[in-house]
Amino acid sequence: MILLEMLVGLALDRVWGRIAAWRSFGWFKRFAERVEIRLGGGASWKSAAGVLLTILPVAFGVAAIHYLLGEALGVLAFVFSVAVLLLCLGPEDLDREVREFVHAYRAGDKEAARRYAVELMGAGVPADSRQLVHAVIEAILVQACERIFGVLFWFIVLGPMGAILYRLSSLLKNLMASQQPQETGGYADAAWRLYGILGWLPARLTALSYAMAGSFADGMYKWREDGRGKRADWVNGCGDVLVASGLGALRMDGDDLRVRTDEHLADTLQVKAAMALVWRTVALWLIAIAFVTVAGWVI
């Protein structure tokens, strides 16, 4: 059932062009603000307890609805699971953002290319065009895990509850990152730690899958040499692993990118190759889940 739910969810995500507009999490931000008001903004709020009190009620509510629908009629639980998966993927369409960046970059529209790069990276972008391409490729490898593979992993493990748990932790981490550290304090640190904990295993499974979907030897070598984590925190450490394995699987490194980024065509081909690696990895996950499902039926 999980395989079918994932296939339907991913298919709808690809063909439903307006799905990104439907993924509005303004309600969650308002809910988090209400929880903060109820707790009075005290020390208990600015800790892991506050983060859990923000996310777990929603996750448990999703689990309860899924269970009740399953008890009433299985098809309703199926529709609900697909809907939750669709809500949690993204929220923006990674493939669309990459296509828009490639189109703008190839057309020589530097301003538009930088704008699309900001959408991908969620932060400032390098001024140098060659460094910009490298940064976009790294962003694709990291964002694919946050937008797709992390959601799929927790959907497989815990169903709709797992998908919403991961998405809300990612959303809360991003909300905290957009605020001043002095205004969030321990609450922001707890939000980042929760996301890091939930993302640790999906990031490493994704890194392994990148290697399997590309050059395995190069991917594993780069992971071993460069992906051990240059920082102590969980979140950035996961990014290091994904970038190292992905660039190795693509047989790209900093020197290779600098040599080949003299022409726009070479640049865009590298960006497209990174996105193609992501889709091969998605196919690899689906094949693995299908294998496990069939094996379960046979046994």
Protein backbone atom coordinates (compact mmCIF):
# COMPACT_ATOMS: atom_id res chain seq x y z
CA MET A 1 0.00 0.00 0.00
CA ILE A 2 2.83 2.41 0.83
CA LEU A 3 4.37 1.81 -2.60
CA LEU A 4 1.09 2.64 -4.34
CA GLU A 5 0.59 5.72 -2.17
CA MET A 6 4.07 6.93 -3.03
CA LEU A 7 3.61 6.28 -6.75
CA VAL A 8 0.31 8.16 -6.82
CA GLY A 9 1.67 10.98 -4.69
CA LEU A 10 4.82 11.45 -6.77
CA ALA A 11 2.86 11.20 -10.02
CA LEU A 12 0.39 13.87 -8.90
CA ASP A 13 3.27 16.03 -7.74
CA ARG A 14 4.74 15.90 -11.25
CA VAL A 15 1.56 16.47 -13.28
CA TRP A 16 -0.30 18.87 -11.00
CA GLY A 17 1.35 22.14 -11.87
CA ARG A 18 -0.41 24.21 -9.20
CA ILE A 19 0.33 21.91 -6.29
CA ALA A 20 2.97 24.29 -4.87
CA ALA A 21 0.31 26.99 -4.40
CA TRP A 22 -1.77 24.52 -2.38
CA ARG A 23 1.10 23.84 0.03
CA SER A 24 0.46 26.71 2.39
CA PHE A 25 1.78 26.34 5.93
CA GLY A 26 0.61 29.70 7.21
CA TRP A 27 -1.72 27.81 9.53
CA PHE A 28 1.25 26.14 11.19
CA LYS A 29 3.02 29.44 11.76
CA ARG A 30 -0.13 30.83 13.39
CA PHE A 31 -0.44 27.69 15.51
CA ALA A 32 3.18 28.01 16.66
CA GLU A 33 2.56 31.63 17.65
CA ARG A 34 -0.51 30.61 19.68
CA VAL A 35 1.45 27.92 21.48
CA GLU A 36 4.12 30.48 22.32
CA ILE A 37 1.49 32.85 23.72
CA ARG A 38 -0.09 30.10 25.81
CA LEU A 39 3.27 29.14 27.26
CA GLY A 40 4.03 32.76 28.04
CA GLY A 41 7.37 32.79 26.24
CA GLY A 42 9.09 31.48 29.35
CA ALA A 43 12.08 29.21 29.72
CA SER A 44 9.96 26.13 29.05
CA TRP A 45 9.07 27.53 25.63
CA LYS A 46 12.65 28.29 24.67
CA SER A 47 13.68 24.64 24.77
CA ALA A 48 13.10 21.26 23.18
CA ALA A 49 9.82 20.99 25.10
CA GLY A 50 8.47 24.01 23.25
CA VAL A 51 9.46 22.56 19.89
CA LEU A 52 7.77 19.25 20.67
CA LEU A 53 4.63 20.98 21.92
CA THR A 54 4.51 22.83 18.61
CA ILE A 55 4.94 19.85 16.30
CA LEU A 56 3.66 16.72 18.06
CA PRO A 57 -0.03 17.76 18.41
CA VAL A 58 -0.26 18.17 14.65
CA ALA A 59 1.59 14.92 13.96
CA PHE A 60 -0.55 12.95 16.42
CA GLY A 61 -3.68 14.55 14.96
CA VAL A 62 -2.70 13.35 11.47
CA ALA A 63 -2.02 9.86 12.84
CA ALA A 64 -5.42 9.78 14.58
CA ILE A 65 -7.30 10.86 11.45
CA HIS A 66 -5.46 8.28 9.36
CA TYR A 67 -6.31 5.53 11.85
CA LEU A 68 -10.00 6.47 12.07
CA LEU A 69 -10.33 6.66 8.30
CA GLY A 70 -8.69 3.26 8.01
CA GLU A 71 -11.17 1.81 10.48
CA ALA A 72 -14.08 3.31 8.54
CA LEU A 73 -13.03 2.65 4.95
CA GLY A 74 -9.59 1.75 3.64
CA VAL A 75 -9.89 3.87 0.50
CA LEU A 76 -10.40 6.98 2.62
CA ALA A 77 -7.18 6.27 4.50
CA PHE A 78 -5.43 5.81 1.13
CA VAL A 79 -6.68 9.17 -0.17
CA PHE A 80 -5.73 10.85 3.10
CA SER A 81 -2.20 9.39 2.97
CA VAL A 82 -1.67 10.58 -0.60
CA ALA A 83 -2.98 14.04 0.32
CA VAL A 84 -0.61 14.33 3.29
CA LEU A 85 2.32 13.14 1.16
CA LEU A 86 1.48 15.74 -1.48
CA LEU A 87 1.30 18.42 1.19
CA CYS A 88 4.68 17.48 2.65
CA LEU A 89 6.69 17.20 -0.57
CA GLY A 90 8.39 20.37 -1.65
CA PRO A 91 6.94 22.80 -0.73
CA GLU A 92 8.32 24.23 -4.00
CA ASP A 93 8.90 22.22 -7.17
CA LEU A 94 12.65 21.56 -7.31
CA ASP A 95 12.57 20.43 -10.93
CA ARG A 96 10.73 23.59 -12.01
CA GLU A 97 13.16 25.84 -10.17
CA VAL A 98 16.11 24.09 -11.82
CA ARG A 99 14.55 24.41 -15.28
CA GLU A 100 13.92 28.12 -14.74
CA PHE A 101 17.49 28.66 -13.57
CA VAL A 102 18.90 26.77 -16.55
CA HIS A 103 16.73 28.72 -19.00
CA ALA A 104 17.70 32.09 -17.51
CA TYR A 105 21.39 31.20 -17.25
CA ARG A 106 21.57 29.90 -20.82
CA ALA A 107 19.78 33.04 -22.07
CA GLY A 108 22.38 35.20 -20.33
CA ASP A 109 19.81 36.78 -17.98
CA LYS A 110 22.06 37.04 -14.92
CA GLU A 111 19.49 38.83 -12.77
CA ALA A 112 16.83 36.16 -13.34
CA ALA A 113 19.37 33.37 -12.88
CA ARG A 114 20.43 34.81 -9.53
CA ARG A 115 16.78 35.15 -8.48
CA TYR A 116 16.08 31.50 -9.26
CA ALA A 117 19.31 30.51 -7.52
CA VAL A 118 18.10 32.29 -4.38
CA GLU A 119 14.87 30.26 -4.54
CA LEU A 120 16.94 27.09 -4.71
CA MET A 121 19.46 28.00 -2.04
CA GLY A 122 17.31 30.08 0.27
CA ALA A 123 20.25 32.40 0.93
CA GLY A 124 22.67 34.79 -0.72
CA VAL A 125 24.32 33.58 -3.90
CA PRO A 126 27.90 34.05 -5.16
CA ALA A 127 28.54 36.95 -7.51
CA ASP A 128 30.89 34.95 -9.75
CA SER A 129 28.97 32.94 -12.36
CA ARG A 130 31.24 29.92 -12.06
CA GLN A 131 30.83 29.80 -8.31
CA LEU A 132 27.09 30.31 -8.80
CA VAL A 133 26.81 27.13 -10.89
CA HIS A 134 28.73 25.16 -8.28
CA ALA A 135 26.50 26.52 -5.50
CA VAL A 136 23.34 25.64 -7.44
CA ILE A 137 24.52 22.07 -8.01
CA GLU A 138 25.25 21.69 -4.30
CA ALA A 139 21.84 23.18 -3.46
CA ILE A 140 20.11 20.65 -5.72
CA LEU A 141 21.81 17.75 -3.95
CA VAL A 142 20.85 19.07 -0.50
CA GLN A 143 17.37 20.32 -1.33
CA ALA A 144 16.42 17.02 -2.97
CA CYS A 145 16.85 15.35 0.42
CA GLU A 146 14.92 18.04 2.30
CA ARG A 147 12.10 18.31 -0.22
CA ILE A 148 11.78 14.69 -1.41
CA PHE A 149 13.84 11.94 0.21
CA GLY A 150 13.46 13.01 3.82
CA VAL A 151 9.68 13.11 3.38
CA LEU A 152 9.62 9.74 1.61
CA PHE A 153 11.79 8.12 4.27
CA TRP A 154 9.59 9.15 7.17
CA PHE A 155 6.46 8.36 5.17
CA ILE A 156 7.76 4.82 4.75
CA VAL A 157 8.64 4.53 8.44
CA LEU A 158 5.65 6.20 10.12
CA GLY A 159 3.14 6.84 7.33
CA PRO A 160 1.43 10.25 7.09
CA MET A 161 2.48 11.05 10.65
CA GLY A 162 6.14 10.66 9.75
CA ALA A 163 5.83 12.81 6.63
CA ILE A 164 4.15 15.69 8.47
CA LEU A 165 6.58 15.38 11.38
CA TYR A 166 9.57 15.79 9.07
CA ARG A 167 8.00 18.61 7.04
CA LEU A 168 7.01 20.61 10.13
CA SER A 169 10.47 20.19 11.65
CA SER A 170 12.01 21.47 8.40
CA LEU A 171 9.55 24.36 8.27
CA LEU A 172 10.20 25.31 11.90
CA LYS A 173 13.96 25.18 11.32
CA ASN A 174 13.60 27.50 8.33
CA LEU A 175 11.36 29.88 10.29
CA MET A 176 13.92 30.09 13.05
CA ALA A 177 16.72 30.65 10.53
CA SER A 178 14.86 33.66 9.14
CA GLN A 179 14.70 35.34 12.56
CA GLN A 180 17.40 36.95 14.66
CA PRO A 181 19.16 34.41 16.90
CA GLN A 182 18.76 36.61 19.95
CA GLU A 183 15.01 36.54 19.46
CA THR A 184 14.76 32.76 19.36
CA GLY A 185 17.49 31.54 21.70
CA GLY A 186 17.27 27.95 22.85
CA TYR A 187 14.06 27.35 20.94
CA ALA A 188 15.85 27.89 17.61
CA ASP A 189 18.68 25.60 18.67
CA ALA A 190 16.15 22.91 19.64
CA ALA A 191 14.36 23.28 16.31
CA TRP A 192 17.64 22.79 14.42
CA ARG A 193 18.57 19.78 16.56
CA LEU A 194 15.20 18.10 15.95
CA TYR A 195 15.51 18.60 12.23
CA GLY A 196 19.07 17.31 12.34
CA ILE A 197 18.01 14.18 14.23
CA LEU A 198 15.14 13.48 11.82
CA GLY A 199 17.36 14.20 8.82
CA TRP A 200 20.44 12.25 9.85
CA LEU A 201 19.46 8.83 8.50
CA PRO A 202 17.59 10.06 5.39
CA ALA A 203 20.62 12.17 4.44
CA ARG A 204 22.95 9.19 4.61
CA LEU A 205 20.58 6.89 2.76
CA THR A 206 20.23 9.58 0.10
CA ALA A 207 24.02 9.96 -0.09
CA LEU A 208 24.37 6.19 -0.54
CA SER A 209 21.65 6.26 -3.19
CA TYR A 210 23.42 9.08 -5.05
CA ALA A 211 26.49 6.89 -5.25
CA MET A 212 24.45 3.90 -6.45
CA ALA A 213 22.66 6.01 -9.07
CA GLY A 214 25.92 7.51 -10.34
CA SER A 215 29.57 6.58 -10.05
CA PHE A 216 29.57 4.40 -6.95
CA ALA A 217 33.32 4.31 -6.38
CA ASP A 218 33.72 8.08 -6.80
CA GLY A 219 30.66 8.82 -4.68
CA MET A 220 31.81 6.69 -1.79
CA TYR A 221 35.37 8.03 -2.01
CA LYS A 222 34.23 11.66 -1.90
CA TRP A 223 31.86 10.84 0.97
CA ARG A 224 34.67 9.24 2.93
CA GLU A 225 37.16 11.99 2.23
CA ASP A 226 35.05 15.16 2.19
CA GLY A 227 31.71 14.29 3.77
CA ARG A 228 32.63 13.59 7.35
CA GLY A 229 31.16 16.93 8.32
CA LYS A 230 33.14 20.12 8.52
CA ARG A 231 30.85 21.42 11.26
CA ALA A 232 29.72 20.01 14.54
CA ASP A 233 25.99 20.61 14.11
CA TRP A 234 23.68 17.97 12.68
CA VAL A 235 22.08 20.02 9.90
CA ASN A 236 25.21 21.28 8.15
CA GLY A 237 26.91 17.92 8.65
CA CYS A 238 24.10 16.28 6.67
CA GLY A 239 24.62 18.81 3.89
CA ASP A 240 28.33 18.01 3.73
CA VAL A 241 27.55 14.31 3.28
CA LEU A 242 24.99 14.91 0.53
CA VAL A 243 27.23 17.29 -1.41
CA ALA A 244 30.30 15.08 -1.15
CA SER A 245 28.52 11.91 -2.28
CA GLY A 246 26.53 13.68 -5.00
CA LEU A 247 29.52 15.45 -6.54
CA GLY A 248 31.48 12.22 -6.43
CA ALA A 249 28.62 10.30 -8.07
CA LEU A 250 28.54 12.96 -10.80
CA ARG A 251 32.35 12.87 -11.05
CA MET A 252 32.48 16.58 -10.35
CA ASP A 253 34.74 18.48 -8.02
CA GLY A 254 35.75 22.09 -7.58
CA ASP A 255 38.56 21.93 -10.15
CA ASP A 256 36.35 20.23 -12.73
CA LEU A 257 33.67 22.88 -12.31
CA ARG A 258 36.15 25.73 -12.65
CA VAL A 259 37.59 24.28 -15.85
CA ARG A 260 34.28 23.61 -17.55
CA THR A 261 32.31 26.70 -16.61
CA ASP A 262 33.70 28.91 -19.38
CA GLU A 263 30.65 28.24 -21.56
CA HIS A 264 27.00 28.45 -20.57
CA LEU A 265 26.21 25.18 -22.30
CA ALA A 266 28.70 23.26 -20.16
CA ASP A 267 27.33 24.95 -17.04
CA THR A 268 23.73 24.05 -17.75
CA LEU A 269 24.63 20.48 -18.68
CA GLN A 270 26.20 20.04 -15.25
CA VAL A 271 23.13 21.46 -13.52
CA LYS A 272 20.89 19.16 -15.55
CA ALA A 273 23.13 16.22 -14.68
CA ALA A 274 22.64 16.94 -10.98
CA MET A 275 18.86 17.00 -11.39
CA ALA A 276 18.99 13.81 -13.46
CA LEU A 277 20.88 12.16 -10.61
CA VAL A 278 18.06 13.14 -8.26
CA TRP A 279 15.43 11.52 -10.48
CA ARG A 280 17.50 8.36 -10.90
CA THR A 281 17.71 8.22 -7.12
CA VAL A 282 13.93 8.55 -6.82
CA ALA A 283 13.56 5.66 -9.27
CA LEU A 284 16.08 3.64 -7.27
CA TRP A 285 14.08 4.15 -4.07
CA LEU A 286 10.85 3.09 -5.76
CA ILE A 287 12.48 -0.01 -7.20
CA ALA A 288 13.89 -0.93 -3.78
CA ILE A 289 10.50 -0.47 -2.11
CA ALA A 290 8.82 -2.51 -4.86
CA PHE A 291 11.36 -5.29 -4.34
CA VAL A 292 10.74 -5.34 -0.60
CA THR A 293 6.98 -5.32 -1.16
CA VAL A 294 7.07 -8.23 -3.61
CA ALA A 295 9.45 -10.14 -1.32
CA GLY A 296 6.98 -9.65 1.53
CA TRP A 297 4.16 -11.07 -0.55
CA VAL A 298 6.24 -14.10 -1.56
CA ILE A 299 7.37 -14.82 1.99
